[in-house]
Amino acid sequence: KEVYWARYADARTRLTEPSVDRPADIADQVAG
């Protein structure tokens, strides 16, 4: 019940290191 995820500025540019989290714990960061 977790995801591996990271943020990107565009298709070629990653902004953050990959993380593993429960979706509910990052809901505020990824909603919308």
Full PDB file with SEQRES, HELIX, SHEET, SSBOND, CRYST1, ORIGX, SCALE, CONECT and MASTER records, all heavy atoms in Angstrom:
SEQRES   1 A   32  LYS GLU VAL TYR TRP ALA ARG TYR ALA ASP ALA ARG THR          
SEQRES   2 A   32  ARG LEU THR GLU PRO SER VAL ASP ARG PRO ALA ASP ILE          
SEQRES   3 A   32  ALA ASP GLN VAL ALA GLY                                      
HELIX    1 AA1 PRO A   23  ILE A   26  5                                   4    
HELIX    2 AA2 ALA A   27  VAL A   30  1                                   4    
SHEET    1 AA1 2 TYR A   8  ASP A  10  0                                        
SHEET    2 AA1 2 THR A  13  ARG A  14 -1                                        
CRYST1    1.000    1.000    1.000  90.00  90.00  90.00 P 1           1          
ORIGX1      1.000000  0.000000  0.000000        0.00000                         
ORIGX2      0.000000  1.000000  0.000000        0.00000                         
ORIGX3      0.000000  0.000000  1.000000        0.00000                         
SCALE1      1.000000  0.000000  0.000000        0.00000                         
SCALE2      0.000000  1.000000  0.000000        0.00000                         
SCALE3      0.000000  0.000000  1.000000        0.00000                         
ATOM      1  N   LYS A   1       0.823  -1.212   0.000  1.00  0.00           N  
ATOM      2  CA  LYS A   1       0.000   0.000   0.000  1.00  0.00           C  
ATOM      3  C   LYS A   1       0.856   1.261   0.000  1.00  0.00           C  
ATOM      4  O   LYS A   1       0.492   2.285   0.612  1.00  0.00           O  
ATOM      5  CB  LYS A   1      -0.975  -0.008   1.190  1.00  0.00           C  
ATOM      6  CG  LYS A   1      -1.952  -1.173   1.158  1.00  0.00           C  
ATOM      7  CD  LYS A   1      -2.927  -1.121   2.315  1.00  0.00           C  
ATOM      8  CE  LYS A   1      -3.907  -2.306   2.251  1.00  0.00           C  
ATOM      9  NZ  LYS A   1      -4.870  -2.291   3.383  1.00  0.00           N  
ATOM     10  N   GLU A   2       1.997   1.199  -0.699  1.00  0.00           N  
ATOM     11  CA  GLU A   2       2.905   2.329  -0.821  1.00  0.00           C  
ATOM     12  C   GLU A   2       3.214   2.591  -2.286  1.00  0.00           C  
ATOM     13  O   GLU A   2       2.949   1.756  -3.159  1.00  0.00           O  
ATOM     14  CB  GLU A   2       4.205   2.074  -0.054  1.00  0.00           C  
ATOM     15  CG  GLU A   2       4.020   1.973   1.451  1.00  0.00           C  
ATOM     16  CD  GLU A   2       5.325   1.669   2.175  1.00  0.00           C  
ATOM     17  OE1 GLU A   2       6.190   0.983   1.584  1.00  0.00           O  
ATOM     18  OE2 GLU A   2       5.465   2.089   3.328  1.00  0.00           O  
ATOM     19  N   VAL A   3       3.805   3.759  -2.554  1.00  0.00           N  
ATOM     20  CA  VAL A   3       4.247   4.093  -3.904  1.00  0.00           C  
ATOM     21  C   VAL A   3       5.691   4.588  -3.852  1.00  0.00           C  
ATOM     22  O   VAL A   3       6.136   5.177  -2.869  1.00  0.00           O  
ATOM     23  CB  VAL A   3       3.370   5.194  -4.558  1.00  0.00           C  
ATOM     24  CG1 VAL A   3       1.972   4.664  -4.824  1.00  0.00           C  
ATOM     25  CG2 VAL A   3       3.329   6.467  -3.720  1.00  0.00           C  
ATOM     26  N   TYR A   4       6.425   4.326  -4.945  1.00  0.00           N  
ATOM     27  CA  TYR A   4       7.688   4.996  -5.195  1.00  0.00           C  
ATOM     28  C   TYR A   4       7.357   6.220  -6.030  1.00  0.00           C  
ATOM     29  O   TYR A   4       6.625   6.110  -7.027  1.00  0.00           O  
ATOM     30  CB  TYR A   4       8.647   4.100  -5.980  1.00  0.00           C  
ATOM     31  CG  TYR A   4       9.055   2.824  -5.276  1.00  0.00           C  
ATOM     32  CD1 TYR A   4       8.737   1.585  -5.822  1.00  0.00           C  
ATOM     33  CD2 TYR A   4       9.772   2.855  -4.092  1.00  0.00           C  
ATOM     34  CE1 TYR A   4       9.127   0.407  -5.200  1.00  0.00           C  
ATOM     35  CE2 TYR A   4      10.168   1.689  -3.456  1.00  0.00           C  
ATOM     36  CZ  TYR A   4       9.843   0.466  -4.014  1.00  0.00           C  
ATOM     37  OH  TYR A   4      10.228  -0.694  -3.403  1.00  0.00           O  
ATOM     38  N   TRP A   5       7.912   7.383  -5.686  1.00  0.00           N  
ATOM     39  CA  TRP A   5       7.520   8.570  -6.418  1.00  0.00           C  
ATOM     40  C   TRP A   5       8.605   9.646  -6.374  1.00  0.00           C  
ATOM     41  O   TRP A   5       9.514   9.593  -5.545  1.00  0.00           O  
ATOM     42  CB  TRP A   5       6.206   9.124  -5.864  1.00  0.00           C  
ATOM     43  CG  TRP A   5       6.339   9.779  -4.510  1.00  0.00           C  
ATOM     44  CD1 TRP A   5       6.541   9.147  -3.319  1.00  0.00           C  
ATOM     45  CD2 TRP A   5       6.285  11.180  -4.219  1.00  0.00           C  
ATOM     46  NE1 TRP A   5       6.616  10.058  -2.292  1.00  0.00           N  
ATOM     47  CE2 TRP A   5       6.459  11.321  -2.823  1.00  0.00           C  
ATOM     48  CE3 TRP A   5       6.089  12.319  -4.988  1.00  0.00           C  
ATOM     49  CZ2 TRP A   5       6.451  12.561  -2.186  1.00  0.00           C  
ATOM     50  CZ3 TRP A   5       6.084  13.554  -4.358  1.00  0.00           C  
ATOM     51  CH2 TRP A   5       6.266  13.669  -2.987  1.00  0.00           C  
ATOM     52  N   ALA A   6       8.493  10.594  -7.291  1.00  0.00           N  
ATOM     53  CA  ALA A   6       9.394  11.748  -7.338  1.00  0.00           C  
ATOM     54  C   ALA A   6       8.716  12.872  -8.102  1.00  0.00           C  
ATOM     55  O   ALA A   6       7.794  12.643  -8.891  1.00  0.00           O  
ATOM     56  CB  ALA A   6      10.722  11.384  -8.004  1.00  0.00           C  
ATOM     57  N   ARG A   7       9.184  14.087  -7.871  1.00  0.00           N  
ATOM     58  CA  ARG A   7       8.676  15.274  -8.568  1.00  0.00           C  
ATOM     59  C   ARG A   7       9.562  15.622  -9.751  1.00  0.00           C  
ATOM     60  O   ARG A   7      10.787  15.440  -9.694  1.00  0.00           O  
ATOM     61  CB  ARG A   7       8.643  16.479  -7.625  1.00  0.00           C  
ATOM     62  CG  ARG A   7       7.546  16.450  -6.591  1.00  0.00           C  
ATOM     63  CD  ARG A   7       7.575  17.744  -5.774  1.00  0.00           C  
ATOM     64  NE  ARG A   7       6.446  17.836  -4.880  1.00  0.00           N  
ATOM     65  CZ  ARG A   7       5.259  18.310  -5.209  1.00  0.00           C  
ATOM     66  NH1 ARG A   7       5.053  18.748  -6.439  1.00  0.00           N  
ATOM     67  NH2 ARG A   7       4.279  18.365  -4.328  1.00  0.00           N  
ATOM     68  N   TYR A   8       8.959  16.170 -10.804  1.00  0.00           N  
ATOM     69  CA  TYR A   8       9.676  16.564 -12.009  1.00  0.00           C  
ATOM     70  C   TYR A   8       9.260  17.974 -12.425  1.00  0.00           C  
ATOM     71  O   TYR A   8       8.094  18.351 -12.282  1.00  0.00           O  
ATOM     72  CB  TYR A   8       9.387  15.587 -13.156  1.00  0.00           C  
ATOM     73  CG  TYR A   8      10.007  14.239 -12.924  1.00  0.00           C  
ATOM     74  CD1 TYR A   8       9.416  13.322 -12.061  1.00  0.00           C  
ATOM     75  CD2 TYR A   8      11.212  13.887 -13.533  1.00  0.00           C  
ATOM     76  CE1 TYR A   8      10.006  12.095 -11.807  1.00  0.00           C  
ATOM     77  CE2 TYR A   8      11.801  12.661 -13.287  1.00  0.00           C  
ATOM     78  CZ  TYR A   8      11.199  11.778 -12.421  1.00  0.00           C  
ATOM     79  OH  TYR A   8      11.788  10.559 -12.161  1.00  0.00           O  
ATOM     80  N   ALA A   9      10.233  18.712 -12.974  1.00  0.00           N  
ATOM     81  CA  ALA A   9       9.931  20.024 -13.551  1.00  0.00           C  
ATOM     82  C   ALA A   9       9.372  19.867 -14.955  1.00  0.00           C  
ATOM     83  O   ALA A   9       8.531  20.647 -15.402  1.00  0.00           O  
ATOM     84  CB  ALA A   9      11.177  20.898 -13.579  1.00  0.00           C  
ATOM     85  N   ASP A  10       9.857  18.859 -15.646  1.00  0.00           N  
ATOM     86  CA  ASP A  10       9.391  18.501 -16.988  1.00  0.00           C  
ATOM     87  C   ASP A  10       9.852  17.075 -17.251  1.00  0.00           C  
ATOM     88  O   ASP A  10      10.415  16.436 -16.363  1.00  0.00           O  
ATOM     89  CB  ASP A  10       9.917  19.478 -18.058  1.00  0.00           C  
ATOM     90  CG  ASP A  10      11.432  19.611 -18.032  1.00  0.00           C  
ATOM     91  OD1 ASP A  10      12.138  18.570 -18.013  1.00  0.00           O  
ATOM     92  OD2 ASP A  10      11.929  20.759 -18.034  1.00  0.00           O  
ATOM     93  N   ALA A  11       9.650  16.586 -18.452  1.00  0.00           N  
ATOM     94  CA  ALA A  11       9.929  15.177 -18.745  1.00  0.00           C  
ATOM     95  C   ALA A  11      11.401  14.794 -18.598  1.00  0.00           C  
ATOM     96  O   ALA A  11      11.723  13.615 -18.456  1.00  0.00           O  
ATOM     97  CB  ALA A  11       9.457  14.850 -20.159  1.00  0.00           C  
ATOM     98  N   ARG A  12      12.305  15.780 -18.609  1.00  0.00           N  
ATOM     99  CA  ARG A  12      13.735  15.490 -18.541  1.00  0.00           C  
ATOM    100  C   ARG A  12      14.390  15.893 -17.233  1.00  0.00           C  
ATOM    101  O   ARG A  12      15.568  15.602 -17.026  1.00  0.00           O  
ATOM    102  CB  ARG A  12      14.462  16.203 -19.697  1.00  0.00           C  
ATOM    103  CG  ARG A  12      14.093  15.710 -21.075  1.00  0.00           C  
ATOM    104  CD  ARG A  12      14.674  16.617 -22.152  1.00  0.00           C  
ATOM    105  NE  ARG A  12      14.418  16.101 -23.493  1.00  0.00           N  
ATOM    106  CZ  ARG A  12      13.267  16.213 -24.125  1.00  0.00           C  
ATOM    107  NH1 ARG A  12      12.238  16.820 -23.523  1.00  0.00           N  
ATOM    108  NH2 ARG A  12      13.115  15.731 -25.344  1.00  0.00           N  
ATOM    109  N   THR A  13      13.652  16.574 -16.352  1.00  0.00           N  
ATOM    110  CA  THR A  13      14.277  17.182 -15.178  1.00  0.00           C  
ATOM    111  C   THR A  13      13.613  16.741 -13.883  1.00  0.00           C  
ATOM    112  O   THR A  13      12.489  17.160 -13.577  1.00  0.00           O  
ATOM    113  CB  THR A  13      14.217  18.726 -15.273  1.00  0.00           C  
ATOM    114  OG1 THR A  13      14.669  19.146 -16.554  1.00  0.00           O  
ATOM    115  CG2 THR A  13      15.069  19.357 -14.183  1.00  0.00           C  
ATOM    116  N   ARG A  14      14.309  15.894 -13.122  1.00  0.00           N  
ATOM    117  CA  ARG A  14      13.785  15.468 -11.816  1.00  0.00           C  
ATOM    118  C   ARG A  14      14.193  16.484 -10.755  1.00  0.00           C  
ATOM    119  O   ARG A  14      15.337  16.915 -10.704  1.00  0.00           O  
ATOM    120  CB  ARG A  14      14.293  14.074 -11.475  1.00  0.00           C  
ATOM    121  CG  ARG A  14      13.826  13.574 -10.109  1.00  0.00           C  
ATOM    122  CD  ARG A  14      13.878  12.046  -9.994  1.00  0.00           C  
ATOM    123  NE  ARG A  14      15.059  11.457 -10.557  1.00  0.00           N  
ATOM    124  CZ  ARG A  14      16.197  11.285  -9.906  1.00  0.00           C  
ATOM    125  NH1 ARG A  14      16.314  11.711  -8.640  1.00  0.00           N  
ATOM    126  NH2 ARG A  14      17.223  10.710 -10.493  1.00  0.00           N  
ATOM    127  N   LEU A  15      13.239  16.824  -9.878  1.00  0.00           N  
ATOM    128  CA  LEU A  15      13.476  17.834  -8.842  1.00  0.00           C  
ATOM    129  C   LEU A  15      13.806  17.231  -7.488  1.00  0.00           C  
ATOM    130  O   LEU A  15      14.468  17.875  -6.669  1.00  0.00           O  
ATOM    131  CB  LEU A  15      12.236  18.726  -8.691  1.00  0.00           C  
ATOM    132  CG  LEU A  15      11.846  19.562  -9.915  1.00  0.00           C  
ATOM    133  CD1 LEU A  15      10.519  20.265  -9.654  1.00  0.00           C  
ATOM    134  CD2 LEU A  15      12.938  20.570 -10.231  1.00  0.00           C  
ATOM    135  N   THR A  16      13.336  16.015  -7.213  1.00  0.00           N  
ATOM    136  CA  THR A  16      13.524  15.412  -5.891  1.00  0.00           C  
ATOM    137  C   THR A  16      14.097  14.013  -6.016  1.00  0.00           C  
ATOM    138  O   THR A  16      13.977  13.361  -7.058  1.00  0.00           O  
ATOM    139  CB  THR A  16      12.186  15.322  -5.130  1.00  0.00           C  
ATOM    140  OG1 THR A  16      11.294  14.449  -5.838  1.00  0.00           O  
ATOM    141  CG2 THR A  16      11.552  16.692  -4.991  1.00  0.00           C  
ATOM    142  N   GLU A  17      14.698  13.551  -4.945  1.00  0.00           N  
ATOM    143  CA  GLU A  17      15.145  12.164  -4.889  1.00  0.00           C  
ATOM    144  C   GLU A  17      13.929  11.238  -4.781  1.00  0.00           C  
ATOM    145  O   GLU A  17      12.909  11.616  -4.202  1.00  0.00           O  
ATOM    146  CB  GLU A  17      16.071  11.946  -3.701  1.00  0.00           C  
ATOM    147  CG  GLU A  17      17.407  12.664  -3.810  1.00  0.00           C  
ATOM    148  CD  GLU A  17      18.198  12.212  -5.023  1.00  0.00           C  
ATOM    149  OE1 GLU A  17      18.286  10.986  -5.248  1.00  0.00           O  
ATOM    150  OE2 GLU A  17      18.714  13.074  -5.744  1.00  0.00           O  
ATOM    151  N   PRO A  18      14.004  10.047  -5.358  1.00  0.00           N  
ATOM    152  CA  PRO A  18      12.882   9.110  -5.226  1.00  0.00           C  
ATOM    153  C   PRO A  18      12.602   8.781  -3.759  1.00  0.00           C  
ATOM    154  O   PRO A  18      13.529   8.702  -2.941  1.00  0.00           O  
ATOM    155  CB  PRO A  18      13.371   7.868  -5.984  1.00  0.00           C  
ATOM    156  CG  PRO A  18      14.422   8.381  -6.912  1.00  0.00           C  
ATOM    157  CD  PRO A  18      15.094   9.500  -6.178  1.00  0.00           C  
ATOM    158  N   SER A  19      11.330   8.596  -3.445  1.00  0.00           N  
ATOM    159  CA  SER A  19      10.906   8.272  -2.086  1.00  0.00           C  
ATOM    160  C   SER A  19       9.903   7.132  -2.132  1.00  0.00           C  
ATOM    161  O   SER A  19       9.316   6.847  -3.180  1.00  0.00           O  
ATOM    162  CB  SER A  19      10.250   9.481  -1.416  1.00  0.00           C  
ATOM    163  OG  SER A  19      11.129  10.572  -1.343  1.00  0.00           O  
ATOM    164  N   VAL A  20       9.696   6.500  -0.987  1.00  0.00           N  
ATOM    165  CA  VAL A  20       8.641   5.499  -0.847  1.00  0.00           C  
ATOM    166  C   VAL A  20       7.742   5.934   0.300  1.00  0.00           C  
ATOM    167  O   VAL A  20       8.213   6.215   1.401  1.00  0.00           O  
ATOM    168  CB  VAL A  20       9.209   4.083  -0.621  1.00  0.00           C  
ATOM    169  CG1 VAL A  20      10.094   3.999   0.613  1.00  0.00           C  
ATOM    170  CG2 VAL A  20       8.085   3.053  -0.550  1.00  0.00           C  
ATOM    171  N   ASP A  21       6.442   6.051   0.023  1.00  0.00           N  
ATOM    172  CA  ASP A  21       5.499   6.558   1.018  1.00  0.00           C  
ATOM    173  C   ASP A  21       4.129   5.939   0.812  1.00  0.00           C  
ATOM    174  O   ASP A  21       3.796   5.473  -0.283  1.00  0.00           O  
ATOM    175  CB  ASP A  21       5.351   8.081   0.895  1.00  0.00           C  
ATOM    176  CG  ASP A  21       6.585   8.839   1.334  1.00  0.00           C  
ATOM    177  OD1 ASP A  21       6.852   8.874   2.551  1.00  0.00           O  
ATOM    178  OD2 ASP A  21       7.278   9.398   0.454  1.00  0.00           O  
ATOM    179  N   ARG A  22       3.325   5.999   1.857  1.00  0.00           N  
ATOM    180  CA  ARG A  22       1.911   5.681   1.721  1.00  0.00           C  
ATOM    181  C   ARG A  22       1.221   6.858   1.035  1.00  0.00           C  
ATOM    182  O   ARG A  22       1.492   8.021   1.383  1.00  0.00           O  
ATOM    183  CB  ARG A  22       1.277   5.421   3.092  1.00  0.00           C  
ATOM    184  CG  ARG A  22       1.722   4.109   3.726  1.00  0.00           C  
ATOM    185  CD  ARG A  22       1.005   3.869   5.045  1.00  0.00           C  
ATOM    186  NE  ARG A  22       1.373   2.576   5.597  1.00  0.00           N  
ATOM    187  CZ  ARG A  22       0.763   1.438   5.312  1.00  0.00           C  
ATOM    188  NH1 ARG A  22      -0.277   1.447   4.477  1.00  0.00           N  
ATOM    189  NH2 ARG A  22       1.161   0.301   5.843  1.00  0.00           N  
ATOM    190  N   PRO A  23       0.362   6.591   0.073  1.00  0.00           N  
ATOM    191  CA  PRO A  23      -0.289   7.696  -0.641  1.00  0.00           C  
ATOM    192  C   PRO A  23      -0.960   8.709   0.285  1.00  0.00           C  
ATOM    193  O   PRO A  23      -0.868   9.923   0.046  1.00  0.00           O  
ATOM    194  CB  PRO A  23      -1.299   6.975  -1.527  1.00  0.00           C  
ATOM    195  CG  PRO A  23      -0.679   5.641  -1.776  1.00  0.00           C  
ATOM    196  CD  PRO A  23       0.009   5.277  -0.502  1.00  0.00           C  
ATOM    197  N   ALA A  24      -1.603   8.234   1.340  1.00  0.00           N  
ATOM    198  CA  ALA A  24      -2.299   9.161   2.235  1.00  0.00           C  
ATOM    199  C   ALA A  24      -1.342  10.145   2.890  1.00  0.00           C  
ATOM    200  O   ALA A  24      -1.730  11.275   3.207  1.00  0.00           O  
ATOM    201  CB  ALA A  24      -3.058   8.372   3.307  1.00  0.00           C  
ATOM    202  N   ASP A  25      -0.090   9.734   3.080  1.00  0.00           N  
ATOM    203  CA  ASP A  25       0.876  10.594   3.753  1.00  0.00           C  
ATOM    204  C   ASP A  25       1.395  11.722   2.859  1.00  0.00           C  
ATOM    205  O   ASP A  25       2.004  12.669   3.357  1.00  0.00           O  
ATOM    206  CB  ASP A  25       2.069   9.764   4.255  1.00  0.00           C  
ATOM    207  CG  ASP A  25       1.666   8.795   5.359  1.00  0.00           C  
ATOM    208  OD1 ASP A  25       0.618   9.016   5.989  1.00  0.00           O  
ATOM    209  OD2 ASP A  25       2.400   7.807   5.574  1.00  0.00           O  
ATOM    210  N   ILE A  26       1.198  11.594   1.541  1.00  0.00           N  
ATOM    211  CA  ILE A  26       1.678  12.631   0.621  1.00  0.00           C  
ATOM    212  C   ILE A  26       0.529  13.293  -0.136  1.00  0.00           C  
ATOM    213  O   ILE A  26       0.751  14.016  -1.103  1.00  0.00           O  
ATOM    214  CB  ILE A  26       2.702  12.048  -0.384  1.00  0.00           C  
ATOM    215  CG1 ILE A  26       2.081  10.903  -1.195  1.00  0.00           C  
ATOM    216  CG2 ILE A  26       3.956  11.588   0.344  1.00  0.00           C  
ATOM    217  CD1 ILE A  26       2.978  10.393  -2.324  1.00  0.00           C  
ATOM    218  N   ALA A  27      -0.691  13.066   0.329  1.00  0.00           N  
ATOM    219  CA  ALA A  27      -1.876  13.557  -0.384  1.00  0.00           C  
ATOM    220  C   ALA A  27      -1.820  15.063  -0.601  1.00  0.00           C  
ATOM    221  O   ALA A  27      -2.161  15.560  -1.681  1.00  0.00           O  
ATOM    222  CB  ALA A  27      -3.140  13.172   0.375  1.00  0.00           C  
ATOM    223  N   ASP A  28      -1.392  15.811   0.410  1.00  0.00           N  
ATOM    224  CA  ASP A  28      -1.350  17.263   0.282  1.00  0.00           C  
ATOM    225  C   ASP A  28      -0.335  17.717  -0.760  1.00  0.00           C  
ATOM    226  O   ASP A  28      -0.488  18.784  -1.360  1.00  0.00           O  
ATOM    227  CB  ASP A  28      -1.013  17.906   1.626  1.00  0.00           C  
ATOM    228  CG  ASP A  28      -2.130  17.756   2.646  1.00  0.00           C  
ATOM    229  OD1 ASP A  28      -3.253  17.430   2.232  1.00  0.00           O  
ATOM    230  OD2 ASP A  28      -1.870  17.958   3.851  1.00  0.00           O  
ATOM    231  N   GLN A  29       0.702  16.907  -0.988  1.00  0.00           N  
ATOM    232  CA  GLN A  29       1.757  17.282  -1.923  1.00  0.00           C  
ATOM    233  C   GLN A  29       1.413  16.963  -3.376  1.00  0.00           C  
ATOM    234  O   GLN A  29       1.940  17.599  -4.283  1.00  0.00           O  
ATOM    235  CB  GLN A  29       3.061  16.562  -1.557  1.00  0.00           C  
ATOM    236  CG  GLN A  29       3.571  16.854  -0.161  1.00  0.00           C  
ATOM    237  CD  GLN A  29       4.815  16.059   0.140  1.00  0.00           C  
ATOM    238  OE1 GLN A  29       5.845  16.183  -0.534  1.00  0.00           O  
ATOM    239  NE2 GLN A  29       4.753  15.214   1.169  1.00  0.00           N  
ATOM    240  N   VAL A  30       0.528  15.979  -3.581  1.00  0.00           N  
ATOM    241  CA  VAL A  30       0.281  15.514  -4.955  1.00  0.00           C  
ATOM    242  C   VAL A  30      -1.135  15.778  -5.463  1.00  0.00           C  
ATOM    243  O   VAL A  30      -1.403  15.602  -6.648  1.00  0.00           O  
ATOM    244  CB  VAL A  30       0.603  14.009  -5.097  1.00  0.00           C  
ATOM    245  CG1 VAL A  30       2.041  13.717  -4.702  1.00  0.00           C  
ATOM    246  CG2 VAL A  30      -0.361  13.159  -4.269  1.00  0.00           C  
ATOM    247  N   ALA A  31      -2.026  16.194  -4.590  1.00  0.00           N  
ATOM    248  CA  ALA A  31      -3.413  16.422  -5.005  1.00  0.00           C  
ATOM    249  C   ALA A  31      -3.472  17.499  -6.091  1.00  0.00           C  
ATOM    250  O   ALA A  31      -2.934  18.591  -5.931  1.00  0.00           O  
ATOM    251  CB  ALA A  31      -4.271  16.831  -3.819  1.00  0.00           C  
ATOM    252  N   GLY A  32      -4.082  17.168  -7.207  1.00  0.00           N  
ATOM    253  CA  GLY A  32      -4.245  18.122  -8.296  1.00  0.00           C  
ATOM    254  C   GLY A  32      -3.033  18.304  -9.177  1.00  0.00           C  
ATOM    255  O   GLY A  32      -3.119  18.956 -10.224  1.00  0.00           O  
TER     256      GLY A  32                                                      
MASTER        0    0    0    2    2    0    0    6  255    1    0    3          
END                                                                             
